[in-house]
Amino acid sequence: QVHLVESGGGSAQAGGSLRLSCAAFGPTYRMSNAVAWFRQSPEN
């Protein structure tokens, strides 16, 4: 099992910056795991 916790979202103006974090833990998480970011649109 792998648990993932995101943080760092918020609001920014165009041209600005944000940094997102994804903390991973759990008995089967390995540092060789692939970790990806996906964006979900309002249409899901």
PDB file of all heavy atoms in Angstrom:
ATOM      1  N   GLN A   1       0.850  -1.195   0.000  1.00  0.00           N
ATOM      2  CA  GLN A   1       0.000   0.000   0.000  1.00  0.00           C
ATOM      3  C   GLN A   1       0.884   1.243   0.000  1.00  0.00           C
ATOM      4  O   GLN A   1       1.903   1.295   0.695  1.00  0.00           O
ATOM      5  CB  GLN A   1      -0.891  -0.010   1.248  1.00  0.00           C
ATOM      6  CG  GLN A   1      -1.953   1.076   1.279  1.00  0.00           C
ATOM      7  CD  GLN A   1      -3.069   0.819   0.318  1.00  0.00           C
ATOM      8  OE1 GLN A   1      -3.176  -0.267  -0.260  1.00  0.00           O
ATOM      9  NE2 GLN A   1      -3.908   1.802   0.107  1.00  0.00           N
ATOM     10  N   VAL A   2       0.509   2.228  -0.793  1.00  0.00           N
ATOM     11  CA  VAL A   2       1.228   3.493  -0.867  1.00  0.00           C
ATOM     12  C   VAL A   2       0.232   4.611  -0.594  1.00  0.00           C
ATOM     13  O   VAL A   2      -0.857   4.646  -1.169  1.00  0.00           O
ATOM     14  CB  VAL A   2       1.868   3.702  -2.261  1.00  0.00           C
ATOM     15  CG1 VAL A   2       2.514   5.072  -2.352  1.00  0.00           C
ATOM     16  CG2 VAL A   2       2.892   2.602  -2.548  1.00  0.00           C
ATOM     17  N   HIS A   3       0.607   5.517   0.284  1.00  0.00           N
ATOM     18  CA  HIS A   3      -0.220   6.680   0.586  1.00  0.00           C
ATOM     19  C   HIS A   3       0.476   7.921   0.072  1.00  0.00           C
ATOM     20  O   HIS A   3       1.699   8.078   0.240  1.00  0.00           O
ATOM     21  CB  HIS A   3      -0.457   6.793   2.092  1.00  0.00           C
ATOM     22  CG  HIS A   3      -1.120   5.598   2.689  1.00  0.00           C
ATOM     23  ND1 HIS A   3      -2.474   5.350   2.571  1.00  0.00           N
ATOM     24  CD2 HIS A   3      -0.608   4.548   3.380  1.00  0.00           C
ATOM     25  CE1 HIS A   3      -2.766   4.220   3.178  1.00  0.00           C
ATOM     26  NE2 HIS A   3      -1.658   3.706   3.677  1.00  0.00           N
ATOM     27  N   LEU A   4      -0.300   8.806  -0.536  1.00  0.00           N
ATOM     28  CA  LEU A   4       0.243  10.021  -1.129  1.00  0.00           C
ATOM     29  C   LEU A   4      -0.517  11.222  -0.590  1.00  0.00           C
ATOM     30  O   LEU A   4      -1.757  11.205  -0.543  1.00  0.00           O
ATOM     31  CB  LEU A   4       0.114   9.967  -2.654  1.00  0.00           C
ATOM     32  CG  LEU A   4       0.761   8.764  -3.343  1.00  0.00           C
ATOM     33  CD1 LEU A   4       0.331   8.681  -4.798  1.00  0.00           C
ATOM     34  CD2 LEU A   4       2.272   8.829  -3.241  1.00  0.00           C
ATOM     35  N   VAL A   5       0.212  12.260  -0.213  1.00  0.00           N
ATOM     36  CA  VAL A   5      -0.413  13.473   0.314  1.00  0.00           C
ATOM     37  C   VAL A   5       0.152  14.675  -0.426  1.00  0.00           C
ATOM     38  O   VAL A   5       1.357  14.947  -0.348  1.00  0.00           O
ATOM     39  CB  VAL A   5      -0.157  13.621   1.829  1.00  0.00           C
ATOM     40  CG1 VAL A   5      -0.800  14.896   2.342  1.00  0.00           C
ATOM     41  CG2 VAL A   5      -0.696  12.400   2.581  1.00  0.00           C
ATOM     42  N   GLU A   6      -0.726  15.387  -1.137  1.00  0.00           N
ATOM     43  CA  GLU A   6      -0.304  16.573  -1.879  1.00  0.00           C
ATOM     44  C   GLU A   6      -0.449  17.829  -1.028  1.00  0.00           C
ATOM     45  O   GLU A   6      -1.309  17.905  -0.137  1.00  0.00           O
ATOM     46  CB  GLU A   6      -1.138  16.776  -3.152  1.00  0.00           C
ATOM     47  CG  GLU A   6      -1.091  15.655  -4.157  1.00  0.00           C
ATOM     48  CD  GLU A   6      -2.310  14.768  -4.058  1.00  0.00           C
ATOM     49  OE1 GLU A   6      -2.898  14.710  -2.962  1.00  0.00           O
ATOM     50  OE2 GLU A   6      -2.681  14.139  -5.052  1.00  0.00           O
ATOM     51  N   SER A   7       0.359  18.816  -1.325  1.00  0.00           N
ATOM     52  CA  SER A   7       0.234  20.124  -0.694  1.00  0.00           C
ATOM     53  C   SER A   7       0.834  21.164  -1.629  1.00  0.00           C
ATOM     54  O   SER A   7       1.517  20.812  -2.610  1.00  0.00           O
ATOM     55  CB  SER A   7       0.928  20.151   0.671  1.00  0.00           C
ATOM     56  OG  SER A   7       2.313  19.870   0.531  1.00  0.00           O
ATOM     57  N   GLY A   8       0.570  22.421  -1.333  1.00  0.00           N
ATOM     58  CA  GLY A   8       1.206  23.500  -2.081  1.00  0.00           C
ATOM     59  C   GLY A   8       0.335  24.166  -3.119  1.00  0.00           C
ATOM     60  O   GLY A   8       0.767  25.107  -3.779  1.00  0.00           O
ATOM     61  N   GLY A   9      -0.891  23.724  -3.294  1.00  0.00           N
ATOM     62  CA  GLY A   9      -1.762  24.384  -4.250  1.00  0.00           C
ATOM     63  C   GLY A   9      -2.159  25.769  -3.772  1.00  0.00           C
ATOM     64  O   GLY A   9      -1.841  26.182  -2.663  1.00  0.00           O
ATOM     65  N   GLY A  10      -2.856  26.486  -4.643  1.00  0.00           N
ATOM     66  CA  GLY A  10      -3.311  27.819  -4.283  1.00  0.00           C
ATOM     67  C   GLY A  10      -3.621  28.612  -5.531  1.00  0.00           C
ATOM     68  O   GLY A  10      -3.878  28.040  -6.592  1.00  0.00           O
ATOM     69  N   SER A  11      -3.589  29.931  -5.386  1.00  0.00           N
ATOM     70  CA  SER A  11      -3.901  30.818  -6.497  1.00  0.00           C
ATOM     71  C   SER A  11      -2.666  31.601  -6.908  1.00  0.00           C
ATOM     72  O   SER A  11      -1.832  31.939  -6.064  1.00  0.00           O
ATOM     73  CB  SER A  11      -5.009  31.796  -6.096  1.00  0.00           C
ATOM     74  OG  SER A  11      -6.196  31.100  -5.790  1.00  0.00           O
ATOM     75  N   ALA A  12      -2.575  31.875  -8.192  1.00  0.00           N
ATOM     76  CA  ALA A  12      -1.468  32.663  -8.712  1.00  0.00           C
ATOM     77  C   ALA A  12      -1.951  33.405  -9.943  1.00  0.00           C
ATOM     78  O   ALA A  12      -2.906  32.984 -10.602  1.00  0.00           O
ATOM     79  CB  ALA A  12      -0.277  31.774  -9.066  1.00  0.00           C
ATOM     80  N   GLN A  13      -1.296  34.492 -10.231  1.00  0.00           N
ATOM     81  CA  GLN A  13      -1.595  35.208 -11.462  1.00  0.00           C
ATOM     82  C   GLN A  13      -0.803  34.587 -12.604  1.00  0.00           C
ATOM     83  O   GLN A  13       0.226  33.924 -12.394  1.00  0.00           O
ATOM     84  CB  GLN A  13      -1.238  36.679 -11.322  1.00  0.00           C
ATOM     85  CG  GLN A  13      -2.175  37.446 -10.407  1.00  0.00           C
ATOM     86  CD  GLN A  13      -1.974  38.938 -10.497  1.00  0.00           C
ATOM     87  OE1 GLN A  13      -0.850  39.410 -10.648  1.00  0.00           O
ATOM     88  NE2 GLN A  13      -3.060  39.687 -10.411  1.00  0.00           N
ATOM     89  N   ALA A  14      -1.292  34.784 -13.797  1.00  0.00           N
ATOM     90  CA  ALA A  14      -0.574  34.296 -14.979  1.00  0.00           C
ATOM     91  C   ALA A  14       0.849  34.850 -14.970  1.00  0.00           C
ATOM     92  O   ALA A  14       1.064  36.027 -14.663  1.00  0.00           O
ATOM     93  CB  ALA A  14      -1.295  34.729 -16.244  1.00  0.00           C
ATOM     94  N   GLY A  15       1.796  33.962 -15.246  1.00  0.00           N
ATOM     95  CA  GLY A  15       3.203  34.330 -15.198  1.00  0.00           C
ATOM     96  C   GLY A  15       3.855  34.049 -13.864  1.00  0.00           C
ATOM     97  O   GLY A  15       5.079  34.102 -13.742  1.00  0.00           O
ATOM     98  N   GLY A  16       3.036  33.730 -12.869  1.00  0.00           N
ATOM     99  CA  GLY A  16       3.554  33.452 -11.537  1.00  0.00           C
ATOM    100  C   GLY A  16       4.006  32.018 -11.367  1.00  0.00           C
ATOM    101  O   GLY A  16       4.065  31.244 -12.335  1.00  0.00           O
ATOM    102  N   SER A  17       4.301  31.660 -10.115  1.00  0.00           N
ATOM    103  CA  SER A  17       4.842  30.329  -9.807  1.00  0.00           C
ATOM    104  C   SER A  17       4.149  29.738  -8.595  1.00  0.00           C
ATOM    105  O   SER A  17       3.674  30.461  -7.713  1.00  0.00           O
ATOM    106  CB  SER A  17       6.348  30.433  -9.508  1.00  0.00           C
ATOM    107  OG  SER A  17       7.069  30.922 -10.610  1.00  0.00           O
ATOM    108  N   LEU A  18       4.108  28.426  -8.579  1.00  0.00           N
ATOM    109  CA  LEU A  18       3.671  27.649  -7.421  1.00  0.00           C
ATOM    110  C   LEU A  18       4.529  26.398  -7.362  1.00  0.00           C
ATOM    111  O   LEU A  18       5.018  25.922  -8.400  1.00  0.00           O
ATOM    112  CB  LEU A  18       2.198  27.258  -7.532  1.00  0.00           C
ATOM    113  CG  LEU A  18       1.145  28.345  -7.330  1.00  0.00           C
ATOM    114  CD1 LEU A  18      -0.240  27.808  -7.704  1.00  0.00           C
ATOM    115  CD2 LEU A  18       1.135  28.825  -5.887  1.00  0.00           C
ATOM    116  N   ARG A  19       4.668  25.834  -6.176  1.00  0.00           N
ATOM    117  CA  ARG A  19       5.357  24.556  -6.033  1.00  0.00           C
ATOM    118  C   ARG A  19       4.459  23.586  -5.299  1.00  0.00           C
ATOM    119  O   ARG A  19       3.999  23.870  -4.190  1.00  0.00           O
ATOM    120  CB  ARG A  19       6.684  24.695  -5.284  1.00  0.00           C
ATOM    121  CG  ARG A  19       7.495  23.394  -5.307  1.00  0.00           C
ATOM    122  CD  ARG A  19       8.876  23.533  -4.729  1.00  0.00           C
ATOM    123  NE  ARG A  19       8.895  23.399  -3.281  1.00  0.00           N
ATOM    124  CZ  ARG A  19       9.934  22.970  -2.574  1.00  0.00           C
ATOM    125  NH1 ARG A  19      11.037  22.633  -3.194  1.00  0.00           N
ATOM    126  NH2 ARG A  19       9.876  22.906  -1.261  1.00  0.00           N
ATOM    127  N   LEU A  20       4.223  22.455  -5.920  1.00  0.00           N
ATOM    128  CA  LEU A  20       3.431  21.392  -5.320  1.00  0.00           C
ATOM    129  C   LEU A  20       4.359  20.331  -4.742  1.00  0.00           C
ATOM    130  O   LEU A  20       5.443  20.078  -5.278  1.00  0.00           O
ATOM    131  CB  LEU A  20       2.514  20.747  -6.362  1.00  0.00           C
ATOM    132  CG  LEU A  20       1.596  21.679  -7.150  1.00  0.00           C
ATOM    133  CD1 LEU A  20       0.708  20.845  -8.074  1.00  0.00           C
ATOM    134  CD2 LEU A  20       0.769  22.540  -6.232  1.00  0.00           C
ATOM    135  N   SER A  21       3.891  19.709  -3.646  1.00  0.00           N
ATOM    136  CA  SER A  21       4.634  18.620  -3.022  1.00  0.00           C
ATOM    137  C   SER A  21       3.757  17.393  -2.941  1.00  0.00           C
ATOM    138  O   SER A  21       2.545  17.501  -2.728  1.00  0.00           O
ATOM    139  CB  SER A  21       5.076  19.016  -1.613  1.00  0.00           C
ATOM    140  OG  SER A  21       5.892  20.154  -1.627  1.00  0.00           O
ATOM    141  N   CYS A  22       4.372  16.242  -3.071  1.00  0.00           N
ATOM    142  CA  CYS A  22       3.672  14.963  -2.935  1.00  0.00           C
ATOM    143  C   CYS A  22       4.516  14.095  -2.008  1.00  0.00           C
ATOM    144  O   CYS A  22       5.582  13.615  -2.406  1.00  0.00           O
ATOM    145  CB  CYS A  22       3.499  14.306  -4.296  1.00  0.00           C
ATOM    146  SG  CYS A  22       2.824  12.627  -4.226  1.00  0.00           S
ATOM    147  N   ALA A  23       4.040  13.924  -0.777  1.00  0.00           N
ATOM    148  CA  ALA A  23       4.741  13.082   0.193  1.00  0.00           C
ATOM    149  C   ALA A  23       4.224  11.662   0.069  1.00  0.00           C
ATOM    150  O   ALA A  23       3.006  11.437   0.076  1.00  0.00           O
ATOM    151  CB  ALA A  23       4.517  13.607   1.597  1.00  0.00           C
ATOM    152  N   ALA A  24       5.136  10.716  -0.062  1.00  0.00           N
ATOM    153  CA  ALA A  24       4.768   9.312  -0.262  1.00  0.00           C
ATOM    154  C   ALA A  24       5.227   8.481   0.919  1.00  0.00           C
ATOM    155  O   ALA A  24       6.336   8.657   1.430  1.00  0.00           O
ATOM    156  CB  ALA A  24       5.403   8.789  -1.546  1.00  0.00           C
ATOM    157  N   PHE A  25       4.376   7.585   1.371  1.00  0.00           N
ATOM    158  CA  PHE A  25       4.767   6.681   2.440  1.00  0.00           C
ATOM    159  C   PHE A  25       3.890   5.444   2.376  1.00  0.00           C
ATOM    160  O   PHE A  25       2.881   5.418   1.667  1.00  0.00           O
ATOM    161  CB  PHE A  25       4.669   7.365   3.804  1.00  0.00           C
ATOM    162  CG  PHE A  25       3.321   7.946   4.116  1.00  0.00           C
ATOM    163  CD1 PHE A  25       2.419   7.237   4.895  1.00  0.00           C
ATOM    164  CD2 PHE A  25       2.951   9.186   3.646  1.00  0.00           C
ATOM    165  CE1 PHE A  25       1.179   7.772   5.189  1.00  0.00           C
ATOM    166  CE2 PHE A  25       1.711   9.723   3.932  1.00  0.00           C
ATOM    167  CZ  PHE A  25       0.824   9.010   4.700  1.00  0.00           C
ATOM    168  N   GLY A  26       4.299   4.404   3.082  1.00  0.00           N
ATOM    169  CA  GLY A  26       3.563   3.151   3.081  1.00  0.00           C
ATOM    170  C   GLY A  26       4.514   1.989   2.923  1.00  0.00           C
ATOM    171  O   GLY A  26       5.651   2.149   2.467  1.00  0.00           O
ATOM    172  N   PRO A  27       4.054   0.794   3.287  1.00  0.00           N
ATOM    173  CA  PRO A  27       4.957  -0.360   3.329  1.00  0.00           C
ATOM    174  C   PRO A  27       5.475  -0.798   1.972  1.00  0.00           C
ATOM    175  O   PRO A  27       6.514  -1.444   1.906  1.00  0.00           O
ATOM    176  CB  PRO A  27       4.090  -1.455   3.968  1.00  0.00           C
ATOM    177  CG  PRO A  27       2.688  -1.015   3.762  1.00  0.00           C
ATOM    178  CD  PRO A  27       2.711   0.471   3.765  1.00  0.00           C
ATOM    179  N   THR A  28       4.779  -0.440   0.885  1.00  0.00           N
ATOM    180  CA  THR A  28       5.246  -0.901  -0.421  1.00  0.00           C
ATOM    181  C   THR A  28       5.835   0.211  -1.271  1.00  0.00           C
ATOM    182  O   THR A  28       6.189  -0.012  -2.428  1.00  0.00           O
ATOM    183  CB  THR A  28       4.108  -1.583  -1.207  1.00  0.00           C
ATOM    184  OG1 THR A  28       3.025  -0.653  -1.365  1.00  0.00           O
ATOM    185  CG2 THR A  28       3.610  -2.821  -0.475  1.00  0.00           C
ATOM    186  N   TYR A  29       5.961   1.415  -0.707  1.00  0.00           N
ATOM    187  CA  TYR A  29       6.560   2.488  -1.498  1.00  0.00           C
ATOM    188  C   TYR A  29       8.061   2.265  -1.594  1.00  0.00           C
ATOM    189  O   TYR A  29       8.724   1.984  -0.593  1.00  0.00           O
ATOM    190  CB  TYR A  29       6.289   3.857  -0.882  1.00  0.00           C
ATOM    191  CG  TYR A  29       6.942   4.970  -1.660  1.00  0.00           C
ATOM    192  CD1 TYR A  29       6.413   5.374  -2.876  1.00  0.00           C
ATOM    193  CD2 TYR A  29       8.116   5.576  -1.218  1.00  0.00           C
ATOM    194  CE1 TYR A  29       7.009   6.373  -3.618  1.00  0.00           C
ATOM    195  CE2 TYR A  29       8.721   6.564  -1.960  1.00  0.00           C
ATOM    196  CZ  TYR A  29       8.170   6.961  -3.158  1.00  0.00           C
ATOM    197  OH  TYR A  29       8.765   7.945  -3.903  1.00  0.00           O
ATOM    198  N   ARG A  30       8.573   2.419  -2.784  1.00  0.00           N
ATOM    199  CA  ARG A  30      10.000   2.322  -3.043  1.00  0.00           C
ATOM    200  C   ARG A  30      10.443   3.576  -3.765  1.00  0.00           C
ATOM    201  O   ARG A  30       9.699   4.157  -4.547  1.00  0.00           O
ATOM    202  CB  ARG A  30      10.317   1.099  -3.907  1.00  0.00           C
ATOM    203  CG  ARG A  30       9.889  -0.230  -3.316  1.00  0.00           C
ATOM    204  CD  ARG A  30      10.721  -0.624  -2.124  1.00  0.00           C
ATOM    205  NE  ARG A  30      10.302  -1.927  -1.574  1.00  0.00           N
ATOM    206  CZ  ARG A  30       9.423  -2.078  -0.602  1.00  0.00           C
ATOM    207  NH1 ARG A  30       8.849  -1.000  -0.064  1.00  0.00           N
ATOM    208  NH2 ARG A  30       9.102  -3.266  -0.174  1.00  0.00           N
ATOM    209  N   MET A  31      11.691   3.970  -3.539  1.00  0.00           N
ATOM    210  CA  MET A  31      12.152   5.184  -4.203  1.00  0.00           C
ATOM    211  C   MET A  31      12.283   4.972  -5.711  1.00  0.00           C
ATOM    212  O   MET A  31      12.467   5.922  -6.455  1.00  0.00           O
ATOM    213  CB  MET A  31      13.472   5.674  -3.607  1.00  0.00           C
ATOM    214  CG  MET A  31      14.655   4.799  -3.863  1.00  0.00           C
ATOM    215  SD  MET A  31      16.135   5.567  -3.144  1.00  0.00           S
ATOM    216  CE  MET A  31      17.403   4.510  -3.809  1.00  0.00           C
ATOM    217  N   SER A  32      12.145   3.721  -6.147  1.00  0.00           N
ATOM    218  CA  SER A  32      12.142   3.459  -7.584  1.00  0.00           C
ATOM    219  C   SER A  32      10.743   3.568  -8.186  1.00  0.00           C
ATOM    220  O   SER A  32      10.583   3.453  -9.399  1.00  0.00           O
ATOM    221  CB  SER A  32      12.711   2.068  -7.868  1.00  0.00           C
ATOM    222  OG  SER A  32      11.944   1.076  -7.206  1.00  0.00           O
ATOM    223  N   ASN A  33       9.726   3.760  -7.352  1.00  0.00           N
ATOM    224  CA  ASN A  33       8.369   3.932  -7.895  1.00  0.00           C
ATOM    225  C   ASN A  33       8.314   5.124  -8.833  1.00  0.00           C
ATOM    226  O   ASN A  33       8.960   6.148  -8.592  1.00  0.00           O
ATOM    227  CB  ASN A  33       7.367   4.165  -6.766  1.00  0.00           C
ATOM    228  CG  ASN A  33       6.858   2.877  -6.158  1.00  0.00           C
ATOM    229  OD1 ASN A  33       7.563   1.881  -6.133  1.00  0.00           O
ATOM    230  ND2 ASN A  33       5.637   2.923  -5.651  1.00  0.00           N
ATOM    231  N   ALA A  34       7.534   5.004  -9.888  1.00  0.00           N
ATOM    232  CA  ALA A  34       7.212   6.165 -10.706  1.00  0.00           C
ATOM    233  C   ALA A  34       6.190   7.010  -9.940  1.00  0.00           C
ATOM    234  O   ALA A  34       5.257   6.479  -9.339  1.00  0.00           O
ATOM    235  CB  ALA A  34       6.638   5.743 -12.044  1.00  0.00           C
ATOM    236  N   VAL A  35       6.395   8.324  -9.965  1.00  0.00           N
ATOM    237  CA  VAL A  35       5.437   9.255  -9.367  1.00  0.00           C
ATOM    238  C   VAL A  35       5.101  10.304 -10.417  1.00  0.00           C
ATOM    239  O   VAL A  35       6.008  10.902 -11.006  1.00  0.00           O
ATOM    240  CB  VAL A  35       6.001   9.917  -8.101  1.00  0.00           C
ATOM    241  CG1 VAL A  35       5.007  10.925  -7.546  1.00  0.00           C
ATOM    242  CG2 VAL A  35       6.318   8.852  -7.051  1.00  0.00           C
ATOM    243  N   ALA A  36       3.826  10.501 -10.645  1.00  0.00           N
ATOM    244  CA  ALA A  36       3.377  11.407 -11.699  1.00  0.00           C
ATOM    245  C   ALA A  36       2.401  12.429 -11.133  1.00  0.00           C
ATOM    246  O   ALA A  36       1.778  12.217 -10.096  1.00  0.00           O
ATOM    247  CB  ALA A  36       2.701  10.627 -12.823  1.00  0.00           C
ATOM    248  N   TRP A  37       2.274  13.525 -11.856  1.00  0.00           N
ATOM    249  CA  TRP A  37       1.260  14.543 -11.577  1.00  0.00           C
ATOM    250  C   TRP A  37       0.273  14.573 -12.742  1.00  0.00           C
ATOM    251  O   TRP A  37       0.684  14.572 -13.907  1.00  0.00           O
ATOM    252  CB  TRP A  37       1.903  15.917 -11.425  1.00  0.00           C
ATOM    253  CG  TRP A  37       2.668  16.087 -10.154  1.00  0.00           C
ATOM    254  CD1 TRP A  37       4.012  15.909  -9.985  1.00  0.00           C
ATOM    255  CD2 TRP A  37       2.146  16.473  -8.880  1.00  0.00           C
ATOM    256  NE1 TRP A  37       4.358  16.161  -8.675  1.00  0.00           N
ATOM    257  CE2 TRP A  37       3.231  16.509  -7.975  1.00  0.00           C
ATOM    258  CE3 TRP A  37       0.884  16.811  -8.407  1.00  0.00           C
ATOM    259  CZ2 TRP A  37       3.081  16.859  -6.626  1.00  0.00           C
ATOM    260  CZ3 TRP A  37       0.731  17.155  -7.069  1.00  0.00           C
ATOM    261  CH2 TRP A  37       1.825  17.183  -6.205  1.00  0.00           C
ATOM    262  N   PHE A  38      -1.006  14.615 -12.372  1.00  0.00           N
ATOM    263  CA  PHE A  38      -2.076  14.756 -13.350  1.00  0.00           C
ATOM    264  C   PHE A  38      -2.931  15.956 -12.960  1.00  0.00           C
ATOM    265  O   PHE A  38      -3.116  16.240 -11.786  1.00  0.00           O
ATOM    266  CB  PHE A  38      -2.964  13.498 -13.380  1.00  0.00           C
ATOM    267  CG  PHE A  38      -2.271  12.289 -13.935  1.00  0.00           C
ATOM    268  CD1 PHE A  38      -1.514  11.465 -13.114  1.00  0.00           C
ATOM    269  CD2 PHE A  38      -2.388  11.966 -15.284  1.00  0.00           C
ATOM    270  CE1 PHE A  38      -0.876  10.340 -13.621  1.00  0.00           C
ATOM    271  CE2 PHE A  38      -1.754  10.848 -15.797  1.00  0.00           C
ATOM    272  CZ  PHE A  38      -1.002  10.038 -14.966  1.00  0.00           C
ATOM    273  N   ARG A  39      -3.467  16.620 -13.958  1.00  0.00           N
ATOM    274  CA  ARG A  39      -4.381  17.741 -13.724  1.00  0.00           C
ATOM    275  C   ARG A  39      -5.789  17.325 -14.128  1.00  0.00           C
ATOM    276  O   ARG A  39      -5.996  16.832 -15.244  1.00  0.00           O
ATOM    277  CB  ARG A  39      -3.943  18.958 -14.540  1.00  0.00           C
ATOM    278  CG  ARG A  39      -4.889  20.139 -14.457  1.00  0.00           C
ATOM    279  CD  ARG A  39      -4.367  21.310 -15.285  1.00  0.00           C
ATOM    280  NE  ARG A  39      -4.171  20.951 -16.680  1.00  0.00           N
ATOM    281  CZ  ARG A  39      -5.108  20.918 -17.609  1.00  0.00           C
ATOM    282  NH1 ARG A  39      -6.362  21.226 -17.286  1.00  0.00           N
ATOM    283  NH2 ARG A  39      -4.822  20.602 -18.851  1.00  0.00           N
ATOM    284  N   GLN A  40      -6.718  17.538 -13.222  1.00  0.00           N
ATOM    285  CA  GLN A  40      -8.107  17.203 -13.519  1.00  0.00           C
ATOM    286  C   GLN A  40      -8.859  18.467 -13.873  1.00  0.00           C
ATOM    287  O   GLN A  40      -8.838  19.453 -13.134  1.00  0.00           O
ATOM    288  CB  GLN A  40      -8.765  16.517 -12.326  1.00  0.00           C
ATOM    289  CG  GLN A  40     -10.202  16.089 -12.581  1.00  0.00           C
ATOM    290  CD  GLN A  40     -10.684  15.088 -11.563  1.00  0.00           C
ATOM    291  OE1 GLN A  40     -10.111  14.016 -11.391  1.00  0.00           O
ATOM    292  NE2 GLN A  40     -11.756  15.431 -10.883  1.00  0.00           N
ATOM    293  N   SER A  41      -9.526  18.415 -15.025  1.00  0.00           N
ATOM    294  CA  SER A  41     -10.285  19.553 -15.509  1.00  0.00           C
ATOM    295  C   SER A  41     -11.668  19.578 -14.844  1.00  0.00           C
ATOM    296  O   SER A  41     -12.095  18.591 -14.229  1.00  0.00           O
ATOM    297  CB  SER A  41     -10.443  19.444 -17.027  1.00  0.00           C
ATOM    298  OG  SER A  41     -11.301  18.355 -17.342  1.00  0.00           O
ATOM    299  N   PRO A  42     -12.405  20.695 -14.988  1.00  0.00           N
ATOM    300  CA  PRO A  42     -13.780  20.738 -14.458  1.00  0.00           C
ATOM    301  C   PRO A  42     -14.686  19.655 -15.047  1.00  0.00           C
ATOM    302  O   PRO A  42     -15.681  19.279 -14.441  1.00  0.00           O
ATOM    303  CB  PRO A  42     -14.260  22.146 -14.853  1.00  0.00           C
ATOM    304  CG  PRO A  42     -13.012  22.946 -14.959  1.00  0.00           C
ATOM    305  CD  PRO A  42     -11.968  21.996 -15.488  1.00  0.00           C
ATOM    306  N   GLU A  43     -14.314  19.149 -16.226  1.00  0.00           N
ATOM    307  CA  GLU A  43     -15.093  18.060 -16.835  1.00  0.00           C
ATOM    308  C   GLU A  43     -14.637  16.698 -16.335  1.00  0.00           C
ATOM    309  O   GLU A  43     -15.053  15.652 -16.860  1.00  0.00           O
ATOM    310  CB  GLU A  43     -14.950  18.122 -18.368  1.00  0.00           C
ATOM    311  CG  GLU A  43     -15.516  19.400 -18.995  1.00  0.00           C
ATOM    312  CD  GLU A  43     -14.607  20.596 -18.820  1.00  0.00           C
ATOM    313  OE1 GLU A  43     -13.382  20.384 -18.648  1.00  0.00           O
ATOM    314  OE2 GLU A  43     -15.112  21.729 -18.836  1.00  0.00           O
ATOM    315  N   ASN A  44     -13.749  16.706 -15.311  1.00  0.00           N
ATOM    316  CA  ASN A  44     -13.264  15.470 -14.672  1.00  0.00           C
ATOM    317  C   ASN A  44     -12.377  14.615 -15.565  1.00  0.00           C
ATOM    318  O   ASN A  44     -12.204  13.425 -15.302  1.00  0.00           O
ATOM    319  CB  ASN A  44     -14.416  14.615 -14.128  1.00  0.00           C
ATOM    320  CG  ASN A  44     -15.028  15.237 -12.895  1.00  0.00           C
ATOM    321  OD1 ASN A  44     -14.359  15.928 -12.135  1.00  0.00           O
ATOM    322  ND2 ASN A  44     -16.317  14.994 -12.709  1.00  0.00           N
TER     323      ASN A  44
END
